[in-house]
Amino acid sequence: MARGWESKSVEAQQDTASDRTVIGAPRSADEVERAQRLDALRLARSRTMADLQRACRPAHRGMLELALAEVDRQIRTLEAVPGPGDPGTR
């Protein structure tokens, strides 16, 4: 009996998630690529931060700090470039 209740709950959750799909203006290929690149960079930053917290050797920490600085620089660069839908672009 519990399985039937569980599967109905999962089905309801899936229906709710599919209802939340955002319908907005279509994005260009450049906007999609930029968003994907930002997501990848944020993921890389999070991984680098986790590695940095576990690193013990000074050389390894230094390498991770350089990598983190580069990832941060790339994120700032991508966020600074206004996309077609961003305010101030005309």
C-alpha atoms as a PDB file:
ATOM      1  CA  MET A   1       0.000   0.000   0.000  1.00  0.00           C
ATOM      2  CA  ALA A   2       2.841   2.382   0.760  1.00  0.00           C
ATOM      3  CA  ARG A   3       4.288   1.873  -2.713  1.00  0.00           C
ATOM      4  CA  GLY A   4       1.116   3.055  -4.366  1.00  0.00           C
ATOM      5  CA  TRP A   5       1.160   6.222  -2.276  1.00  0.00           C
ATOM      6  CA  GLU A   6       4.867   6.786  -3.050  1.00  0.00           C
ATOM      7  CA  SER A   7       4.429   6.414  -6.801  1.00  0.00           C
ATOM      8  CA  LYS A   8       1.478   8.806  -6.767  1.00  0.00           C
ATOM      9  CA  SER A   9       3.574  11.307  -4.825  1.00  0.00           C
ATOM     10  CA  VAL A  10       6.421  11.014  -7.333  1.00  0.00           C
ATOM     11  CA  GLU A  11       3.997  11.410 -10.209  1.00  0.00           C
ATOM     12  CA  ALA A  12       2.523  14.537  -8.604  1.00  0.00           C
ATOM     13  CA  GLN A  13       6.011  15.970  -8.086  1.00  0.00           C
ATOM     14  CA  GLN A  14       6.883  15.346 -11.727  1.00  0.00           C
ATOM     15  CA  ASP A  15       3.665  17.009 -12.874  1.00  0.00           C
ATOM     16  CA  THR A  16       4.372  20.017 -10.664  1.00  0.00           C
ATOM     17  CA  ALA A  17       7.932  20.293 -11.997  1.00  0.00           C
ATOM     18  CA  SER A  18       6.752  20.170 -15.596  1.00  0.00           C
ATOM     19  CA  ASP A  19       4.153  22.867 -14.847  1.00  0.00           C
ATOM     20  CA  ARG A  20       6.923  25.192 -13.649  1.00  0.00           C
ATOM     21  CA  THR A  21       8.567  25.359 -17.051  1.00  0.00           C
ATOM     22  CA  VAL A  22       9.366  28.995 -17.736  1.00  0.00           C
ATOM     23  CA  ILE A  23       7.931  30.278 -20.952  1.00  0.00           C
ATOM     24  CA  GLY A  24       9.700  33.415 -22.021  1.00  0.00           C
ATOM     25  CA  ALA A  25      11.177  35.057 -25.023  1.00  0.00           C
ATOM     26  CA  PRO A  26      13.240  32.658 -27.103  1.00  0.00           C
ATOM     27  CA  ARG A  27      16.948  33.017 -26.500  1.00  0.00           C
ATOM     28  CA  SER A  28      19.520  33.218 -29.231  1.00  0.00           C
ATOM     29  CA  ALA A  29      22.218  30.592 -29.612  1.00  0.00           C
ATOM     30  CA  ASP A  30      24.743  33.094 -28.204  1.00  0.00           C
ATOM     31  CA  GLU A  31      22.622  33.662 -25.082  1.00  0.00           C
ATOM     32  CA  VAL A  32      22.220  29.924 -24.532  1.00  0.00           C
ATOM     33  CA  GLU A  33      25.960  29.364 -25.000  1.00  0.00           C
ATOM     34  CA  ARG A  34      26.790  32.216 -22.602  1.00  0.00           C
ATOM     35  CA  ALA A  35      24.416  30.833 -19.954  1.00  0.00           C
ATOM     36  CA  GLN A  36      25.894  27.358 -20.313  1.00  0.00           C
ATOM     37  CA  ARG A  37      29.430  28.736 -20.061  1.00  0.00           C
ATOM     38  CA  LEU A  38      28.516  30.655 -16.896  1.00  0.00           C
ATOM     39  CA  ASP A  39      26.985  27.520 -15.380  1.00  0.00           C
ATOM     40  CA  ALA A  40      30.129  25.531 -16.194  1.00  0.00           C
ATOM     41  CA  LEU A  41      32.358  28.221 -14.696  1.00  0.00           C
ATOM     42  CA  ARG A  42      30.284  28.409 -11.514  1.00  0.00           C
ATOM     43  CA  LEU A  43      30.499  24.638 -11.191  1.00  0.00           C
ATOM     44  CA  ALA A  44      34.275  24.766 -11.732  1.00  0.00           C
ATOM     45  CA  ARG A  45      34.524  27.486  -9.082  1.00  0.00           C
ATOM     46  CA  SER A  46      32.579  25.435  -6.573  1.00  0.00           C
ATOM     47  CA  ARG A  47      34.769  22.381  -7.260  1.00  0.00           C
ATOM     48  CA  THR A  48      37.955  24.440  -6.955  1.00  0.00           C
ATOM     49  CA  MET A  49      36.768  25.913  -3.647  1.00  0.00           C
ATOM     50  CA  ALA A  50      36.067  22.424  -2.294  1.00  0.00           C
ATOM     51  CA  ASP A  51      39.504  21.228  -3.431  1.00  0.00           C
ATOM     52  CA  LEU A  52      41.119  24.292  -1.857  1.00  0.00           C
ATOM     53  CA  GLN A  53      39.507  23.551   1.492  1.00  0.00           C
ATOM     54  CA  ARG A  54      41.019  20.054   1.462  1.00  0.00           C
ATOM     55  CA  ALA A  55      44.459  20.982   0.067  1.00  0.00           C
ATOM     56  CA  CYS A  56      47.353  20.705   2.499  1.00  0.00           C
ATOM     57  CA  ARG A  57      50.487  21.267   0.460  1.00  0.00           C
ATOM     58  CA  PRO A  58      51.422  24.900  -0.217  1.00  0.00           C
ATOM     59  CA  ALA A  59      52.206  24.241  -3.893  1.00  0.00           C
ATOM     60  CA  HIS A  60      48.821  22.613  -4.442  1.00  0.00           C
ATOM     61  CA  ARG A  61      47.024  25.418  -2.596  1.00  0.00           C
ATOM     62  CA  GLY A  62      48.863  27.983  -4.714  1.00  0.00           C
ATOM     63  CA  MET A  63      47.837  26.243  -7.929  1.00  0.00           C
ATOM     64  CA  LEU A  64      44.217  26.097  -6.793  1.00  0.00           C
ATOM     65  CA  GLU A  65      44.255  29.768  -5.794  1.00  0.00           C
ATOM     66  CA  LEU A  66      45.535  30.695  -9.264  1.00  0.00           C
ATOM     67  CA  ALA A  67      42.859  28.519 -10.865  1.00  0.00           C
ATOM     68  CA  LEU A  68      40.192  30.144  -8.682  1.00  0.00           C
ATOM     69  CA  ALA A  69      41.378  33.624  -9.649  1.00  0.00           C
ATOM     70  CA  GLU A  70      41.210  32.694 -13.345  1.00  0.00           C
ATOM     71  CA  VAL A  71      37.713  31.225 -13.022  1.00  0.00           C
ATOM     72  CA  ASP A  72      36.562  34.356 -11.169  1.00  0.00           C
ATOM     73  CA  ARG A  73      38.066  36.530 -13.911  1.00  0.00           C
ATOM     74  CA  GLN A  74      36.232  34.579 -16.612  1.00  0.00           C
ATOM     75  CA  ILE A  75      32.942  34.792 -14.701  1.00  0.00           C
ATOM     76  CA  ARG A  76      33.321  38.576 -14.285  1.00  0.00           C
ATOM     77  CA  THR A  77      34.094  38.920 -17.996  1.00  0.00           C
ATOM     78  CA  LEU A  78      31.013  36.953 -19.039  1.00  0.00           C
ATOM     79  CA  GLU A  79      28.762  38.761 -16.567  1.00  0.00           C
ATOM     80  CA  ALA A  80      30.050  42.153 -17.720  1.00  0.00           C
ATOM     81  CA  VAL A  81      29.116  41.516 -21.351  1.00  0.00           C
ATOM     82  CA  PRO A  82      25.471  42.570 -21.719  1.00  0.00           C
ATOM     83  CA  GLY A  83      23.284  40.195 -23.666  1.00  0.00           C
ATOM     84  CA  PRO A  84      20.564  41.265 -26.137  1.00  0.00           C
ATOM     85  CA  GLY A  85      17.872  41.009 -23.447  1.00  0.00           C
ATOM     86  CA  ASP A  86      19.823  42.907 -20.796  1.00  0.00           C
ATOM     87  CA  PRO A  87      18.887  46.493 -19.953  1.00  0.00           C
ATOM     88  CA  GLY A  88      21.041  49.151 -21.536  1.00  0.00           C
ATOM     89  CA  THR A  89      21.576  47.398 -24.858  1.00  0.00           C
ATOM     90  CA  ARG A  90      20.059  49.249 -27.761  1.00  0.00           C
END
